[in-house]
Each structure stands twice: as structure tokens, then as C-alpha cells.
PDB file of N, CA and C in Angstrom:
ATOM      1  N   MET A   1     -19.539   2.099   7.591  1.00  0.00           N
ATOM      2  CA  MET A   1     -17.783   2.010   7.140  1.00  0.00           C
ATOM      3  C   MET A   1     -18.293   1.420   5.584  1.00  0.00           C
ATOM      4  N   ALA A   2     -18.062   2.264   4.447  1.00  0.00           N
ATOM      5  CA  ALA A   2     -17.539   1.475   3.437  1.00  0.00           C
ATOM      6  C   ALA A   2     -17.082   1.094   2.663  1.00  0.00           C
ATOM      7  N   VAL A   3     -17.477   0.204   2.016  1.00  0.00           N
ATOM      8  CA  VAL A   3     -15.379  -1.012   1.013  1.00  0.00           C
ATOM      9  C   VAL A   3     -15.504  -0.226   0.146  1.00  0.00           C
ATOM     10  N   ASN A   4     -14.378   0.823  -0.627  1.00  0.00           N
ATOM     11  CA  ASN A   4     -13.878   0.551  -1.490  1.00  0.00           C
ATOM     12  C   ASN A   4     -13.771  -0.192  -2.501  1.00  0.00           C
ATOM     13  N   GLN A   5     -13.904   0.369  -4.431  1.00  0.00           N
ATOM     14  CA  GLN A   5     -13.702  -0.927  -4.719  1.00  0.00           C
ATOM     15  C   GLN A   5     -12.709  -0.417  -5.723  1.00  0.00           C
ATOM     16  N   LYS A   6     -11.880  -1.434  -6.362  1.00  0.00           N
ATOM     17  CA  LYS A   6     -10.884  -0.842  -7.581  1.00  0.00           C
ATOM     18  C   LYS A   6     -11.236  -1.747  -8.148  1.00  0.00           C
ATOM     19  N   ILE A   7     -10.796  -0.792  -9.694  1.00  0.00           N
ATOM     20  CA  ILE A   7     -11.155  -1.310 -10.749  1.00  0.00           C
ATOM     21  C   ILE A   7     -10.404  -1.114 -11.760  1.00  0.00           C
ATOM     22  N   LEU A   8      -9.630  -1.985 -12.963  1.00  0.00           N
ATOM     23  CA  LEU A   8      -8.911  -1.914 -13.562  1.00  0.00           C
ATOM     24  C   LEU A   8      -9.630  -1.770 -15.070  1.00  0.00           C
ATOM     25  N   GLY A   9      -9.440  -0.953 -15.666  1.00  0.00           N
ATOM     26  CA  GLY A   9     -10.046  -0.082 -17.176  1.00  0.00           C
ATOM     27  C   GLY A   9      -8.769  -0.437 -18.153  1.00  0.00           C
ATOM     28  N   LEU A  10      -8.855  -1.183 -19.109  1.00  0.00           N
ATOM     29  CA  LEU A  10      -8.031  -1.593 -20.178  1.00  0.00           C
ATOM     30  C   LEU A  10      -8.953  -0.982 -21.923  1.00  0.00           C
ATOM     31  N   ASP A  11      -8.164   0.169 -22.284  1.00  0.00           N
ATOM     32  CA  ASP A  11      -8.438   0.317 -23.924  1.00  0.00           C
ATOM     33  C   ASP A  11      -7.111  -0.123 -24.997  1.00  0.00           C
ATOM     34  N   LEU A  12      -7.816  -1.549 -25.527  1.00  0.00           N
ATOM     35  CA  LEU A  12      -6.645  -2.241 -26.545  1.00  0.00           C
ATOM     36  C   LEU A  12      -6.833  -1.797 -27.570  1.00  0.00           C
ATOM     37  N   GLY A  13      -5.473  -1.283 -28.462  1.00  0.00           N
ATOM     38  CA  GLY A  13      -5.057  -0.373 -29.706  1.00  0.00           C
ATOM     39  C   GLY A  13      -4.803  -1.345 -30.774  1.00  0.00           C
ATOM     40  N   ILE A  14      -4.913  -1.246 -31.941  1.00  0.00           N
ATOM     41  CA  ILE A  14      -3.978  -2.046 -32.711  1.00  0.00           C
ATOM     42  C   ILE A  14      -2.392  -1.596 -32.502  1.00  0.00           C
ATOM     43  N   ALA A  15      -2.024  -0.085 -32.309  1.00  0.00           N
ATOM     44  CA  ALA A  15      -0.739  -0.114 -32.101  1.00  0.00           C
ATOM     45  C   ALA A  15      -0.309   0.483 -30.559  1.00  0.00           C
ATOM     46  N   SER A  16      -1.714   0.550 -29.508  1.00  0.00           N
ATOM     47  CA  SER A  16      -1.216   0.875 -28.050  1.00  0.00           C
ATOM     48  C   SER A  16      -2.306   0.276 -26.986  1.00  0.00           C
ATOM     49  N   CYS A  17      -2.103   0.272 -25.975  1.00  0.00           N
ATOM     50  CA  CYS A  17      -2.818   0.059 -24.908  1.00  0.00           C
ATOM     51  C   CYS A  17      -2.717   1.059 -23.382  1.00  0.00           C
ATOM     52  N   GLY A  18      -4.169   1.031 -23.866  1.00  0.00           N
ATOM     53  CA  GLY A  18      -4.025   2.522 -22.034  1.00  0.00           C
ATOM     54  C   GLY A  18      -4.486   1.666 -21.003  1.00  0.00           C
ATOM     55  N   TRP A  19      -4.391   1.863 -19.947  1.00  0.00           N
ATOM     56  CA  TRP A  19      -4.793   1.141 -18.585  1.00  0.00           C
ATOM     57  C   TRP A  19      -5.192   2.922 -17.862  1.00  0.00           C
ATOM     58  N   ALA A  20      -5.690   2.361 -16.890  1.00  0.00           N
ATOM     59  CA  ALA A  20      -6.190   3.143 -15.351  1.00  0.00           C
ATOM     60  C   ALA A  20      -6.606   2.540 -14.071  1.00  0.00           C
ATOM     61  N   VAL A  21      -6.299   2.617 -13.023  1.00  0.00           N
ATOM     62  CA  VAL A  21      -7.116   1.887 -11.795  1.00  0.00           C
ATOM     63  C   VAL A  21      -7.789   3.053 -11.366  1.00  0.00           C
ATOM     64  N   LEU A  22      -9.129   2.101 -10.882  1.00  0.00           N
ATOM     65  CA  LEU A  22      -9.820   3.407 -10.220  1.00  0.00           C
ATOM     66  C   LEU A  22     -10.308   2.770  -8.903  1.00  0.00           C
ATOM     67  N   GLU A  23     -10.331   3.438  -7.905  1.00  0.00           N
ATOM     68  CA  GLU A  23     -11.341   3.497  -6.685  1.00  0.00           C
ATOM     69  C   GLU A  23     -12.516   3.789  -6.594  1.00  0.00           C
ATOM     70  N   ILE A  24     -13.470   3.214  -6.271  1.00  0.00           N
ATOM     71  CA  ILE A  24     -14.884   4.041  -6.459  1.00  0.00           C
ATOM     72  C   ILE A  24     -15.844   3.201  -4.741  1.00  0.00           C
ATOM     73  N   GLY A  25     -16.003   4.943  -4.505  1.00  0.00           N
ATOM     74  CA  GLY A  25     -16.252   4.313  -2.423  1.00  0.00           C
ATOM     75  C   GLY A  25     -17.848   5.155  -2.548  1.00  0.00           C
ATOM     76  N   ASP A  26     -17.817   5.696  -1.541  1.00  0.00           N
ATOM     77  CA  ASP A  26     -19.175   6.419  -1.436  1.00  0.00           C
ATOM     78  C   ASP A  26     -19.552   7.432  -2.059  1.00  0.00           C
ATOM     79  N   GLY A  27     -20.569   7.449  -3.498  1.00  0.00           N
ATOM     80  CA  GLY A  27     -20.713   8.343  -4.070  1.00  0.00           C
ATOM     81  C   GLY A  27     -19.702   9.089  -4.925  1.00  0.00           C
ATOM     82  N   ASP A  28     -17.807   8.472  -5.063  1.00  0.00           N
ATOM     83  CA  ASP A  28     -17.255   8.905  -5.276  1.00  0.00           C
ATOM     84  C   ASP A  28     -16.206   8.140  -6.186  1.00  0.00           C
ATOM     85  N   GLY A  29     -14.928   8.651  -6.624  1.00  0.00           N
ATOM     86  CA  GLY A  29     -13.555   7.765  -7.352  1.00  0.00           C
ATOM     87  C   GLY A  29     -13.019   8.152  -7.653  1.00  0.00           C
ATOM     88  N   ARG A  30     -11.732   8.230  -7.835  1.00  0.00           N
ATOM     89  CA  ARG A  30     -10.250   8.635  -8.270  1.00  0.00           C
ATOM     90  C   ARG A  30      -9.407   8.011  -8.608  1.00  0.00           C
ATOM     91  N   ILE A  31      -8.669   8.988  -9.297  1.00  0.00           N
ATOM     92  CA  ILE A  31      -7.466   7.486 -10.560  1.00  0.00           C
ATOM     93  C   ILE A  31      -6.742   7.555  -9.177  1.00  0.00           C
ATOM     94  N   ILE A  32      -6.335   6.170  -9.125  1.00  0.00           N
ATOM     95  CA  ILE A  32      -5.059   5.843  -8.516  1.00  0.00           C
ATOM     96  C   ILE A  32      -4.065   6.077  -9.241  1.00  0.00           C
ATOM     97  N   ALA A  33      -3.913   5.458 -10.602  1.00  0.00           N
ATOM     98  CA  ALA A  33      -2.621   5.266 -11.818  1.00  0.00           C
ATOM     99  C   ALA A  33      -3.539   5.247 -12.975  1.00  0.00           C
ATOM    100  N   ALA A  34      -2.261   5.523 -14.171  1.00  0.00           N
ATOM    101  CA  ALA A  34      -2.958   5.675 -15.442  1.00  0.00           C
ATOM    102  C   ALA A  34      -1.792   5.381 -16.533  1.00  0.00           C
ATOM    103  N   GLY A  35      -1.947   4.820 -17.398  1.00  0.00           N
ATOM    104  CA  GLY A  35      -1.068   4.881 -18.193  1.00  0.00           C
ATOM    105  C   GLY A  35      -1.209   4.330 -19.579  1.00  0.00           C
ATOM    106  N   ALA A  36      -0.047   4.402 -20.863  1.00  0.00           N
ATOM    107  CA  ALA A  36      -0.261   3.433 -21.574  1.00  0.00           C
ATOM    108  C   ALA A  36       0.868   3.499 -22.607  1.00  0.00           C
ATOM    109  N   ARG A  37       1.093   2.602 -23.159  1.00  0.00           N
ATOM    110  CA  ARG A  37       2.295   1.608 -24.249  1.00  0.00           C
ATOM    111  C   ARG A  37       1.520   2.301 -25.555  1.00  0.00           C
ATOM    112  N   CYS A  38       2.623   2.476 -26.490  1.00  0.00           N
ATOM    113  CA  CYS A  38       2.587   2.504 -27.213  1.00  0.00           C
ATOM    114  C   CYS A  38       3.844   1.739 -28.443  1.00  0.00           C
ATOM    115  N   TRP A  39       3.496   1.106 -29.285  1.00  0.00           N
ATOM    116  CA  TRP A  39       3.668   0.497 -30.092  1.00  0.00           C
ATOM    117  C   TRP A  39       4.049   0.722 -31.545  1.00  0.00           C
ATOM    118  N   GLU A  40       5.169  -0.120 -32.460  1.00  0.00           N
ATOM    119  CA  GLU A  40       4.470   0.233 -34.165  1.00  0.00           C
ATOM    120  C   GLU A  40       3.302  -0.471 -34.692  1.00  0.00           C
ATOM    121  N   ALA A  41       2.648   0.184 -35.495  1.00  0.00           N
ATOM    122  CA  ALA A  41       1.145  -0.096 -35.773  1.00  0.00           C
ATOM    123  C   ALA A  41       1.644  -1.308 -37.177  1.00  0.00           C
ATOM    124  N   PRO A  42       1.074  -2.344 -37.382  1.00  0.00           N
ATOM    125  CA  PRO A  42       1.949  -3.370 -38.159  1.00  0.00           C
ATOM    126  C   PRO A  42       1.348  -3.012 -39.921  1.00  0.00           C
ATOM    127  N   GLU A  43       1.996  -2.981 -40.734  1.00  0.00           N
ATOM    128  CA  GLU A  43       1.955  -2.973 -41.966  1.00  0.00           C
ATOM    129  C   GLU A  43       1.380  -3.390 -42.839  1.00  0.00           C
ATOM    130  N   VAL A  44       1.341  -5.083 -42.002  1.00  0.00           N
ATOM    131  CA  VAL A  44       0.859  -5.819 -43.056  1.00  0.00           C
ATOM    132  C   VAL A  44      -0.588  -6.417 -42.298  1.00  0.00           C
ATOM    133  N   ASP A  45      -1.937  -6.764 -42.390  1.00  0.00           N
ATOM    134  CA  ASP A  45      -2.745  -7.702 -41.479  1.00  0.00           C
ATOM    135  C   ASP A  45      -2.301  -9.013 -41.984  1.00  0.00           C
ATOM    136  N   ARG A  46      -2.269  -9.716 -40.519  1.00  0.00           N
ATOM    137  CA  ARG A  46      -2.546 -11.236 -40.744  1.00  0.00           C
ATOM    138  C   ARG A  46      -3.216 -11.355 -41.599  1.00  0.00           C
ATOM    139  N   VAL A  47      -2.520 -12.625 -42.185  1.00  0.00           N
ATOM    140  CA  VAL A  47      -4.008 -13.652 -43.044  1.00  0.00           C
ATOM    141  C   VAL A  47      -5.304 -14.484 -42.665  1.00  0.00           C
ATOM    142  N   PRO A  48      -6.244 -13.002 -43.725  1.00  0.00           N
ATOM    143  CA  PRO A  48      -7.651 -13.047 -43.467  1.00  0.00           C
ATOM    144  C   PRO A  48      -7.753 -14.485 -44.050  1.00  0.00           C
ATOM    145  N   SER A  49      -9.316 -14.532 -43.974  1.00  0.00           N
ATOM    146  CA  SER A  49      -9.551 -15.652 -44.212  1.00  0.00           C
ATOM    147  C   SER A  49     -10.294 -16.054 -45.975  1.00  0.00           C
ATOM    148  N   GLY A  50      -9.552 -15.518 -46.477  1.00  0.00           N
ATOM    149  CA  GLY A  50      -9.376 -15.699 -48.095  1.00  0.00           C
ATOM    150  C   GLY A  50      -7.890 -16.294 -48.480  1.00  0.00           C
ATOM    151  N   GLY A  51      -7.090 -15.885 -47.259  1.00  0.00           N
ATOM    152  CA  GLY A  51      -5.341 -16.754 -47.165  1.00  0.00           C
ATOM    153  C   GLY A  51      -4.932 -15.287 -48.206  1.00  0.00           C
ATOM    154  N   VAL A  52      -5.417 -14.513 -48.462  1.00  0.00           N
ATOM    155  CA  VAL A  52      -4.146 -13.333 -48.879  1.00  0.00           C
ATOM    156  C   VAL A  52      -4.146 -12.377 -48.118  1.00  0.00           C
ATOM    157  N   THR A  53      -2.624 -12.125 -47.868  1.00  0.00           N
ATOM    158  CA  THR A  53      -2.628 -10.495 -46.697  1.00  0.00           C
ATOM    159  C   THR A  53      -2.593  -9.298 -47.605  1.00  0.00           C
ATOM    160  N   VAL A  54      -3.131  -8.861 -46.806  1.00  0.00           N
ATOM    161  CA  VAL A  54      -3.447  -7.054 -47.518  1.00  0.00           C
ATOM    162  C   VAL A  54      -2.646  -5.901 -46.310  1.00  0.00           C
ATOM    163  N   PRO A  55      -2.260  -5.146 -47.365  1.00  0.00           N
ATOM    164  CA  PRO A  55      -1.762  -4.201 -46.172  1.00  0.00           C
ATOM    165  C   PRO A  55      -2.900  -3.543 -45.437  1.00  0.00           C
ATOM    166  N   VAL A  56      -2.448  -3.174 -44.367  1.00  0.00           N
ATOM    167  CA  VAL A  56      -3.699  -2.336 -43.064  1.00  0.00           C
ATOM    168  C   VAL A  56      -4.109  -1.333 -44.288  1.00  0.00           C
ATOM    169  N   ARG A  57      -3.013  -0.287 -44.983  1.00  0.00           N
ATOM    170  CA  ARG A  57      -3.596   0.892 -45.125  1.00  0.00           C
ATOM    171  C   ARG A  57      -4.601   0.842 -46.262  1.00  0.00           C
ATOM    172  N   SER A  58      -4.203   0.045 -46.476  1.00  0.00           N
ATOM    173  CA  SER A  58      -5.560  -0.083 -48.053  1.00  0.00           C
ATOM    174  C   SER A  58      -6.846  -0.475 -47.815  1.00  0.00           C
ATOM    175  N   VAL A  59      -6.583  -1.592 -46.714  1.00  0.00           N
ATOM    176  CA  VAL A  59      -8.020  -1.948 -45.732  1.00  0.00           C
ATOM    177  C   VAL A  59      -8.424  -0.454 -45.285  1.00  0.00           C
ATOM    178  N   ALA A  60      -7.775   0.105 -44.866  1.00  0.00           N
ATOM    179  CA  ALA A  60      -8.663   1.453 -43.821  1.00  0.00           C
ATOM    180  C   ALA A  60      -8.992   2.414 -44.789  1.00  0.00           C
ATOM    181  N   THR A  61      -8.220   1.985 -46.339  1.00  0.00           N
ATOM    182  CA  THR A  61      -8.256   3.579 -47.053  1.00  0.00           C
ATOM    183  C   THR A  61     -10.041   2.862 -47.935  1.00  0.00           C
ATOM    184  N   LEU A  62     -10.163   1.757 -47.955  1.00  0.00           N
ATOM    185  CA  LEU A  62     -11.553   1.243 -48.630  1.00  0.00           C
ATOM    186  C   LEU A  62     -12.853   1.612 -47.650  1.00  0.00           C
ATOM    187  N   SER A  63     -12.455   1.683 -46.418  1.00  0.00           N
ATOM    188  CA  SER A  63     -13.941   1.728 -45.076  1.00  0.00           C
ATOM    189  C   SER A  63     -13.876   3.130 -44.644  1.00  0.00           C
ATOM    190  N   GLY A  64     -12.884   3.739 -45.311  1.00  0.00           N
ATOM    191  CA  GLY A  64     -13.177   5.045 -45.492  1.00  0.00           C
ATOM    192  C   GLY A  64     -12.181   5.884 -44.225  1.00  0.00           C
ATOM    193  N   ARG A  65     -11.761   5.165 -43.598  1.00  0.00           N
ATOM    194  CA  ARG A  65     -10.919   5.451 -42.511  1.00  0.00           C
ATOM    195  C   ARG A  65      -9.620   6.308 -42.873  1.00  0.00           C
ATOM    196  N   SER A  66      -9.275   7.369 -41.597  1.00  0.00           N
ATOM    197  CA  SER A  66      -7.937   8.236 -42.330  1.00  0.00           C
ATOM    198  C   SER A  66      -6.918   7.336 -41.700  1.00  0.00           C
ATOM    199  N   VAL A  67      -5.854   7.354 -42.396  1.00  0.00           N
ATOM    200  CA  VAL A  67      -4.834   6.230 -41.817  1.00  0.00           C
ATOM    201  C   VAL A  67      -3.548   7.784 -41.611  1.00  0.00           C
ATOM    202  N   SER A  68      -2.373   7.981 -40.673  1.00  0.00           N
ATOM    203  CA  SER A  68      -1.502   9.234 -41.052  1.00  0.00           C
ATOM    204  C   SER A  68      -0.281   7.867 -40.673  1.00  0.00           C
ATOM    205  N   GLY A  69       0.756   8.407 -41.225  1.00  0.00           N
ATOM    206  CA  GLY A  69       1.840   7.888 -40.778  1.00  0.00           C
ATOM    207  C   GLY A  69       3.018   7.353 -42.185  1.00  0.00           C
TER     208      GLY A  69
END
């Protein structure tokens, strides 16, 4: 008799949180439940180490990432 394990997987982002509950058994597995919660992304980052607030969009532009919205 095999014991099935349940695993909670999380994917945390700046504007969302994804989750899934998996059941793993004898060489197979299945998704029991999954979902996601989304919210508005912050426009201004919290105060960085320099003490100056910086808009998130300008940081993303400087790093070469594309920001939509």
C-alpha cells in the first residue's frame, strides 16, 4: 500500500499569486486544485536603500524589461 503525498505549490508575483495542490503517488500524480489571485501592480516601489521612491515602470525600462499597462 503506497502513501500519497500532497504538495502545495505557490507562484508569488508582484501582481498575482498562483497556487496548486498536487497529489503524488506511485509514479503518477494529479492536480487536485489550482487557482490564481490577481491585483493591481504598484506604480511606485517601496523606499529603496537610497531613501528615494522610484516609479516601478522606470526601473523596468532601465533593466530592459517590457512593462504593459
